[in-house]
């Protein structure tokens, strides 16, 4: 797979190696995959924040047991 950009820079596509050689002869040029990701693939993605887990302050059974033993 290759990433190709038109001469005017308006069209960036990801194509097979065979198709890339055809496009190169038509005037397209090779570009990096990171440019394709930035301009084409990730354009409409929204970044959703995942809710973080809150840490519980509850004591575990073993902590309660040790607490009971130490107070006696």
C-alpha atoms as a PDB file:
ATOM      1  CA  UNK A   1       0.000   0.000   0.000  1.00  0.00           C
ATOM      2  CA  UNK A   2       1.195   3.479  -0.886  1.00  0.00           C
ATOM      3  CA  UNK A   3      -0.097   6.950  -0.104  1.00  0.00           C
ATOM      4  CA  UNK A   4      -0.347   9.290  -3.061  1.00  0.00           C
ATOM      5  CA  UNK A   5      -1.178  12.994  -3.361  1.00  0.00           C
ATOM      6  CA  UNK A   6      -2.293  14.845  -6.481  1.00  0.00           C
ATOM      7  CA  UNK A   7      -0.110  17.600  -7.882  1.00  0.00           C
ATOM      8  CA  UNK A   8      -2.360  20.374  -6.538  1.00  0.00           C
ATOM      9  CA  UNK A   9      -2.507  18.688  -3.120  1.00  0.00           C
ATOM     10  CA  UNK A  10      -6.289  18.435  -2.990  1.00  0.00           C
ATOM     11  CA  UNK A  11      -6.537  14.652  -3.215  1.00  0.00           C
ATOM     12  CA  UNK A  12      -4.689  12.189  -0.949  1.00  0.00           C
ATOM     13  CA  UNK A  13      -5.391   8.490  -1.472  1.00  0.00           C
ATOM     14  CA  UNK A  14      -4.066   5.167  -0.182  1.00  0.00           C
ATOM     15  CA  UNK A  15      -3.756   2.613  -2.979  1.00  0.00           C
ATOM     16  CA  UNK A  16      -2.079  -0.682  -3.843  1.00  0.00           C
ATOM     17  CA  UNK A  17       1.467  -0.748  -5.207  1.00  0.00           C
ATOM     18  CA  UNK A  18       0.266  -1.432  -8.765  1.00  0.00           C
ATOM     19  CA  UNK A  19      -2.258   1.406  -8.701  1.00  0.00           C
ATOM     20  CA  UNK A  20       0.387   3.695  -7.171  1.00  0.00           C
ATOM     21  CA  UNK A  21       2.705   3.185 -10.135  1.00  0.00           C
ATOM     22  CA  UNK A  22      -0.188   4.084 -12.484  1.00  0.00           C
ATOM     23  CA  UNK A  23      -1.018   7.214 -10.493  1.00  0.00           C
ATOM     24  CA  UNK A  24       2.653   8.224 -10.393  1.00  0.00           C
ATOM     25  CA  UNK A  25       2.737   8.243 -14.188  1.00  0.00           C
ATOM     26  CA  UNK A  26      -0.444  10.379 -14.161  1.00  0.00           C
ATOM     27  CA  UNK A  27       1.220  13.051 -12.018  1.00  0.00           C
ATOM     28  CA  UNK A  28       0.554  11.975  -8.447  1.00  0.00           C
ATOM     29  CA  UNK A  29       3.441  11.909  -5.977  1.00  0.00           C
ATOM     30  CA  UNK A  30       4.268   9.701  -3.023  1.00  0.00           C
ATOM     31  CA  UNK A  31       3.584  11.066   0.477  1.00  0.00           C
ATOM     32  CA  UNK A  32       4.035   9.676   3.977  1.00  0.00           C
ATOM     33  CA  UNK A  33       1.400   7.573   5.679  1.00  0.00           C
ATOM     34  CA  UNK A  34       1.327  10.009   8.611  1.00  0.00           C
ATOM     35  CA  UNK A  35       0.212  12.787   6.238  1.00  0.00           C
ATOM     36  CA  UNK A  36      -2.586  10.547   4.925  1.00  0.00           C
ATOM     37  CA  UNK A  37      -3.663   9.743   8.505  1.00  0.00           C
ATOM     38  CA  UNK A  38      -3.709  13.413   9.453  1.00  0.00           C
ATOM     39  CA  UNK A  39      -5.558  14.721   6.380  1.00  0.00           C
ATOM     40  CA  UNK A  40      -7.879  11.854   5.426  1.00  0.00           C
ATOM     41  CA  UNK A  41      -8.353   9.075   7.961  1.00  0.00           C
ATOM     42  CA  UNK A  42      -8.610  11.041  11.202  1.00  0.00           C
ATOM     43  CA  UNK A  43     -10.524  14.077   9.912  1.00  0.00           C
ATOM     44  CA  UNK A  44     -14.005  13.156  11.163  1.00  0.00           C
ATOM     45  CA  UNK A  45     -13.032  11.270  14.322  1.00  0.00           C
ATOM     46  CA  UNK A  46     -14.120  12.769  17.590  1.00  0.00           C
ATOM     47  CA  UNK A  47     -11.951  12.309  20.620  1.00  0.00           C
ATOM     48  CA  UNK A  48     -14.102  10.995  23.433  1.00  0.00           C
ATOM     49  CA  UNK A  49     -12.705  10.947  26.916  1.00  0.00           C
ATOM     50  CA  UNK A  50     -13.230   7.696  28.741  1.00  0.00           C
ATOM     51  CA  UNK A  51     -14.492   8.095  32.285  1.00  0.00           C
ATOM     52  CA  UNK A  52     -11.758   7.346  34.761  1.00  0.00           C
ATOM     53  CA  UNK A  53     -12.390   4.879  37.527  1.00  0.00           C
ATOM     54  CA  UNK A  54     -12.677   6.454  40.927  1.00  0.00           C
ATOM     55  CA  UNK A  55     -10.730   4.799  43.672  1.00  0.00           C
ATOM     56  CA  UNK A  56     -12.823   3.458  46.481  1.00  0.00           C
ATOM     57  CA  UNK A  57     -11.880   4.096  50.096  1.00  0.00           C
ATOM     58  CA  UNK A  58     -13.598   0.961  51.348  1.00  0.00           C
ATOM     59  CA  UNK A  59     -11.558  -1.388  53.454  1.00  0.00           C
ATOM     60  CA  UNK A  60     -11.111  -4.906  52.212  1.00  0.00           C
ATOM     61  CA  UNK A  61     -12.096  -7.881  54.342  1.00  0.00           C
ATOM     62  CA  UNK A  62      -8.501  -8.578  55.277  1.00  0.00           C
ATOM     63  CA  UNK A  63      -7.949  -4.958  56.341  1.00  0.00           C
ATOM     64  CA  UNK A  64     -11.053  -5.085  58.542  1.00  0.00           C
ATOM     65  CA  UNK A  65      -9.883  -8.365  60.073  1.00  0.00           C
ATOM     66  CA  UNK A  66      -6.451  -6.912  60.917  1.00  0.00           C
ATOM     67  CA  UNK A  67      -8.071  -3.810  62.353  1.00  0.00           C
ATOM     68  CA  UNK A  68     -10.262  -5.945  64.638  1.00  0.00           C
ATOM     69  CA  UNK A  69      -7.287  -8.010  65.779  1.00  0.00           C
ATOM     70  CA  UNK A  70      -5.170  -4.981  66.600  1.00  0.00           C
ATOM     71  CA  UNK A  71      -7.876  -3.299  68.734  1.00  0.00           C
ATOM     72  CA  UNK A  72      -8.418  -6.355  70.974  1.00  0.00           C
END
